[in-house]
Amino acid sequence: MKIMVRKKEEGQITIYIAKKDLEEPIISADKEGLFGGVVTLANGMKFLLPEVPPGTKLPVTLEARKVEG
């Protein structure tokens, strides 16, 4: 699923899912660097984000996998 990871002006990192016209903040991540692990959104959805090169600037569009549970 295509998602966009972006940083709001107040510093909050969100995920925007255009297919669902949904934007939710990330409330937890299983890896310190955010990318390459599972993130949980405020609405309970979970996504496995791919690895990205260090120093990648936001916003960035990625192909992420939705994780059940």
Protein backbone atom coordinates (compact mmCIF):
# COMPACT_ATOMS: atom_id res chain seq x y z
CA MET A 1 0.00 0.00 0.00
CA LYS A 2 1.40 3.41 -0.93
CA ILE A 3 1.76 5.75 2.04
CA MET A 4 3.38 9.11 2.65
CA VAL A 5 5.38 9.71 5.82
CA ARG A 6 5.53 13.39 6.67
CA LYS A 7 6.41 15.69 9.52
CA LYS A 8 3.92 18.36 10.58
CA GLU A 9 5.02 21.86 11.58
CA GLU A 10 4.68 20.99 15.28
CA GLY A 11 7.12 18.09 14.80
CA GLN A 12 4.59 15.26 14.84
CA ILE A 13 5.28 12.49 12.31
CA THR A 14 2.19 11.25 10.47
CA ILE A 15 1.30 8.73 7.81
CA TYR A 16 -1.06 9.73 5.01
CA ILE A 17 -2.88 6.99 3.10
CA ALA A 18 -4.28 8.53 -0.08
CA LYS A 19 -6.33 5.44 -0.97
CA LYS A 20 -8.34 5.94 2.24
CA ASP A 21 -7.90 9.75 2.45
CA LEU A 22 -6.62 9.19 5.99
CA GLU A 23 -3.86 10.90 7.97
CA GLU A 24 -2.90 9.57 11.40
CA PRO A 25 0.01 10.26 13.75
CA ILE A 26 2.54 7.54 14.52
CA ILE A 27 2.27 6.69 18.22
CA SER A 28 4.89 3.95 18.44
CA ALA A 29 7.62 2.25 16.42
CA ASP A 30 9.45 -1.00 17.14
CA LYS A 31 12.74 0.45 15.82
CA GLU A 32 14.39 3.66 16.95
CA GLY A 33 14.97 4.83 13.39
CA LEU A 34 11.27 4.48 12.39
CA PHE A 35 12.04 2.87 9.01
CA GLY A 36 12.60 -0.86 8.56
CA GLY A 37 10.15 -1.84 11.30
CA VAL A 38 6.52 -1.82 12.36
CA VAL A 39 4.83 1.46 13.30
CA THR A 40 1.47 1.87 15.06
CA LEU A 41 -0.88 4.70 14.19
CA ALA A 42 -3.24 6.49 16.58
CA ASN A 43 -6.23 4.62 15.09
CA GLY A 44 -4.58 1.23 15.80
CA MET A 45 -3.45 0.40 12.25
CA LYS A 46 0.04 -1.08 11.94
CA PHE A 47 2.41 -0.88 8.98
CA LEU A 48 5.74 -2.47 8.19
CA LEU A 49 7.87 0.31 6.71
CA PRO A 50 10.74 -0.53 4.37
CA GLU A 51 14.34 0.45 5.04
CA VAL A 52 15.33 3.80 3.57
CA PRO A 53 18.80 5.31 3.18
CA PRO A 54 20.04 7.28 6.21
CA GLY A 55 19.36 10.99 5.93
CA THR A 56 16.21 10.60 3.81
CA LYS A 57 14.21 13.81 4.09
CA LEU A 58 10.49 13.90 4.82
CA PRO A 59 7.99 13.80 3.24
CA VAL A 60 8.66 10.48 1.54
CA THR A 61 6.31 8.14 -0.33
CA LEU A 62 6.82 4.44 0.38
CA GLU A 63 5.31 1.07 -0.38
CA ALA A 64 4.37 -0.24 3.09
CA ARG A 65 2.68 -3.46 4.17
CA LYS A 66 -0.29 -3.41 6.53
CA VAL A 67 0.24 -5.70 9.53
CA GLU A 68 -2.69 -7.35 11.30
CA GLY A 69 -2.91 -7.33 15.06
